[in-house]
Amino acid sequence: MRAGDKAAVSALRATLAALDNAEAVPVDEAGLRGVALEHAPVGVGATEVARREVSERGVEDIVRAEAAERLEVAARLTAPAHAGRAARLRAEAAVLLRFLDGPGTE
């Protein structure tokens, strides 16, 4: 990937964030209510929880969803004033789909 490829950088940053969110541990709001400060866990690692593991298929699904979202938004941008934005979204989707197609397809 070229250093100046803004579409690729933008698409990859957003997709990495989506993958990071998928691995996040859900916060149990019921467990957070009514806990007095003196009963809060204390010490190094006392509140650490292992992140969720996303399967390879899950990663593919997330990347496909990110690409599909970009293509859907690009299709809705029909006004001539939005042509540049639509083209950039299509380029970002193409970058993501290229990663799913496997090696040697670039």
C-alpha atoms as a PDB file:
ATOM      1  CA  MET A   1       0.000   0.000   0.000  1.00  0.00           C
ATOM      2  CA  ARG A   2       1.319   3.392  -0.940  1.00  0.00           C
ATOM      3  CA  ALA A   3       1.857   5.888   1.845  1.00  0.00           C
ATOM      4  CA  GLY A   4      -0.336   8.454   0.103  1.00  0.00           C
ATOM      5  CA  ASP A   5      -3.324   6.153  -0.485  1.00  0.00           C
ATOM      6  CA  LYS A   6      -5.874   8.018   1.621  1.00  0.00           C
ATOM      7  CA  ALA A   7      -8.780   5.732   0.690  1.00  0.00           C
ATOM      8  CA  ALA A   8      -6.917   2.644   1.863  1.00  0.00           C
ATOM      9  CA  VAL A   9      -5.739   4.291   5.073  1.00  0.00           C
ATOM     10  CA  SER A  10      -9.236   5.530   5.882  1.00  0.00           C
ATOM     11  CA  ALA A  11     -10.882   2.177   5.151  1.00  0.00           C
ATOM     12  CA  LEU A  12      -8.334   0.204   7.143  1.00  0.00           C
ATOM     13  CA  ARG A  13      -8.478   2.519  10.155  1.00  0.00           C
ATOM     14  CA  ALA A  14     -12.263   2.335  10.310  1.00  0.00           C
ATOM     15  CA  THR A  15     -12.267  -1.441   9.857  1.00  0.00           C
ATOM     16  CA  LEU A  16      -9.630  -1.952  12.537  1.00  0.00           C
ATOM     17  CA  ALA A  17     -11.790   0.116  14.883  1.00  0.00           C
ATOM     18  CA  ALA A  18     -14.814  -2.059  14.036  1.00  0.00           C
ATOM     19  CA  LEU A  19     -12.764  -5.192  14.749  1.00  0.00           C
ATOM     20  CA  ASP A  20     -11.548  -3.700  18.019  1.00  0.00           C
ATOM     21  CA  ASN A  21     -15.159  -2.951  19.012  1.00  0.00           C
ATOM     22  CA  ALA A  22     -16.176  -6.522  18.189  1.00  0.00           C
ATOM     23  CA  GLU A  23     -13.533  -7.817  20.598  1.00  0.00           C
ATOM     24  CA  ALA A  24     -14.630  -5.524  23.415  1.00  0.00           C
ATOM     25  CA  VAL A  25     -16.155  -7.065  26.501  1.00  0.00           C
ATOM     26  CA  PRO A  26     -19.722  -5.930  27.144  1.00  0.00           C
ATOM     27  CA  VAL A  27     -20.155  -3.886  30.274  1.00  0.00           C
ATOM     28  CA  ASP A  28     -22.564  -5.445  32.702  1.00  0.00           C
ATOM     29  CA  GLU A  29     -24.470  -2.368  33.798  1.00  0.00           C
ATOM     30  CA  ALA A  30     -26.315  -4.257  36.526  1.00  0.00           C
ATOM     31  CA  GLY A  31     -22.997  -5.113  38.130  1.00  0.00           C
ATOM     32  CA  LEU A  32     -21.906  -1.486  38.131  1.00  0.00           C
ATOM     33  CA  ARG A  33     -24.929  -0.108  39.948  1.00  0.00           C
ATOM     34  CA  GLY A  34     -24.963   0.133  43.697  1.00  0.00           C
ATOM     35  CA  VAL A  35     -21.297  -0.694  44.245  1.00  0.00           C
ATOM     36  CA  ALA A  36     -19.851   1.436  46.998  1.00  0.00           C
ATOM     37  CA  LEU A  37     -16.347   2.723  46.499  1.00  0.00           C
ATOM     38  CA  GLU A  38     -15.041   0.716  49.451  1.00  0.00           C
ATOM     39  CA  HIS A  39     -16.277  -2.501  47.789  1.00  0.00           C
ATOM     40  CA  ALA A  40     -14.674  -1.754  44.428  1.00  0.00           C
ATOM     41  CA  PRO A  41     -11.898  -4.089  43.247  1.00  0.00           C
ATOM     42  CA  VAL A  42      -8.447  -2.800  44.092  1.00  0.00           C
ATOM     43  CA  GLY A  43      -4.991  -3.685  42.858  1.00  0.00           C
ATOM     44  CA  VAL A  44      -3.126  -4.254  39.648  1.00  0.00           C
ATOM     45  CA  GLY A  45      -5.237  -6.255  37.214  1.00  0.00           C
ATOM     46  CA  ALA A  46      -8.245  -6.434  39.555  1.00  0.00           C
ATOM     47  CA  THR A  47     -10.551  -5.157  36.854  1.00  0.00           C
ATOM     48  CA  GLU A  48      -8.856  -6.776  33.848  1.00  0.00           C
ATOM     49  CA  VAL A  49     -11.030  -9.006  31.692  1.00  0.00           C
ATOM     50  CA  ALA A  50      -9.932 -11.005  28.671  1.00  0.00           C
ATOM     51  CA  ARG A  51     -11.183  -9.585  25.391  1.00  0.00           C
ATOM     52  CA  ARG A  52     -13.515 -11.597  23.218  1.00  0.00           C
ATOM     53  CA  GLU A  53     -11.946 -13.563  20.407  1.00  0.00           C
ATOM     54  CA  VAL A  54     -13.408 -13.022  16.972  1.00  0.00           C
ATOM     55  CA  SER A  55     -13.176 -16.009  14.657  1.00  0.00           C
ATOM     56  CA  GLU A  56     -11.695 -15.743  11.194  1.00  0.00           C
ATOM     57  CA  ARG A  57     -15.211 -15.978   9.782  1.00  0.00           C
ATOM     58  CA  GLY A  58     -16.296 -13.188  12.145  1.00  0.00           C
ATOM     59  CA  VAL A  59     -13.469 -10.985  10.901  1.00  0.00           C
ATOM     60  CA  GLU A  60     -14.498 -11.651   7.293  1.00  0.00           C
ATOM     61  CA  ASP A  61     -18.105 -10.780   8.142  1.00  0.00           C
ATOM     62  CA  ILE A  62     -17.048  -7.495   9.744  1.00  0.00           C
ATOM     63  CA  VAL A  63     -14.854  -6.541   6.780  1.00  0.00           C
ATOM     64  CA  ARG A  64     -17.662  -7.415   4.342  1.00  0.00           C
ATOM     65  CA  ALA A  65     -20.125  -5.358   6.394  1.00  0.00           C
ATOM     66  CA  GLU A  66     -17.767  -2.370   6.355  1.00  0.00           C
ATOM     67  CA  ALA A  67     -17.401  -2.652   2.562  1.00  0.00           C
ATOM     68  CA  ALA A  68     -21.156  -3.083   2.074  1.00  0.00           C
ATOM     69  CA  GLU A  69     -21.866  -0.031   4.215  1.00  0.00           C
ATOM     70  CA  ARG A  70     -19.557   2.091   2.069  1.00  0.00           C
ATOM     71  CA  LEU A  71     -21.140   0.844  -1.158  1.00  0.00           C
ATOM     72  CA  GLU A  72     -24.636   1.472   0.208  1.00  0.00           C
ATOM     73  CA  VAL A  73     -23.821   5.049   1.192  1.00  0.00           C
ATOM     74  CA  ALA A  74     -22.080   5.657  -2.155  1.00  0.00           C
ATOM     75  CA  ALA A  75     -25.206   4.457  -3.975  1.00  0.00           C
ATOM     76  CA  ARG A  76     -27.328   6.966  -2.065  1.00  0.00           C
ATOM     77  CA  LEU A  77     -25.021   9.882  -2.922  1.00  0.00           C
ATOM     78  CA  THR A  78     -26.517  10.687  -6.314  1.00  0.00           C
ATOM     79  CA  ALA A  79     -26.141  14.464  -6.365  1.00  0.00           C
ATOM     80  CA  PRO A  80     -23.279  15.709  -8.555  1.00  0.00           C
ATOM     81  CA  ALA A  81     -21.918  17.629  -5.577  1.00  0.00           C
ATOM     82  CA  HIS A  82     -21.288  14.306  -3.795  1.00  0.00           C
ATOM     83  CA  ALA A  83     -19.570  12.531  -6.694  1.00  0.00           C
ATOM     84  CA  GLY A  84     -16.126  12.796  -5.089  1.00  0.00           C
ATOM     85  CA  ARG A  85     -17.315  11.406  -1.765  1.00  0.00           C
ATOM     86  CA  ALA A  86     -19.122   8.537  -3.508  1.00  0.00           C
ATOM     87  CA  ALA A  87     -16.003   7.686  -5.524  1.00  0.00           C
ATOM     88  CA  ARG A  88     -13.892   7.672  -2.363  1.00  0.00           C
ATOM     89  CA  LEU A  89     -16.354   5.354  -0.607  1.00  0.00           C
ATOM     90  CA  ARG A  90     -16.290   2.965  -3.588  1.00  0.00           C
ATOM     91  CA  ALA A  91     -12.486   3.024  -3.517  1.00  0.00           C
ATOM     92  CA  GLU A  92     -12.495   2.236   0.223  1.00  0.00           C
ATOM     93  CA  ALA A  93     -14.900  -0.672  -0.361  1.00  0.00           C
ATOM     94  CA  ALA A  94     -12.643  -1.992  -3.127  1.00  0.00           C
ATOM     95  CA  VAL A  95      -9.652  -1.923  -0.763  1.00  0.00           C
ATOM     96  CA  LEU A  96     -11.530  -3.935   1.851  1.00  0.00           C
ATOM     97  CA  LEU A  97     -12.863  -6.452  -0.648  1.00  0.00           C
ATOM     98  CA  ARG A  98      -9.360  -6.916  -2.073  1.00  0.00           C
ATOM     99  CA  PHE A  99      -8.204  -8.113   1.354  1.00  0.00           C
ATOM    100  CA  LEU A 100     -10.931 -10.762   1.356  1.00  0.00           C
ATOM    101  CA  ASP A 101     -10.113 -12.020  -2.132  1.00  0.00           C
ATOM    102  CA  GLY A 102      -6.761 -13.390  -0.994  1.00  0.00           C
ATOM    103  CA  PRO A 103      -3.129 -12.855  -1.929  1.00  0.00           C
ATOM    104  CA  GLY A 104      -2.128 -11.847  -5.403  1.00  0.00           C
ATOM    105  CA  THR A 105      -5.343 -10.051  -6.288  1.00  0.00           C
ATOM    106  CA  GLU A 106      -4.026  -6.500  -5.890  1.00  0.00           C
END
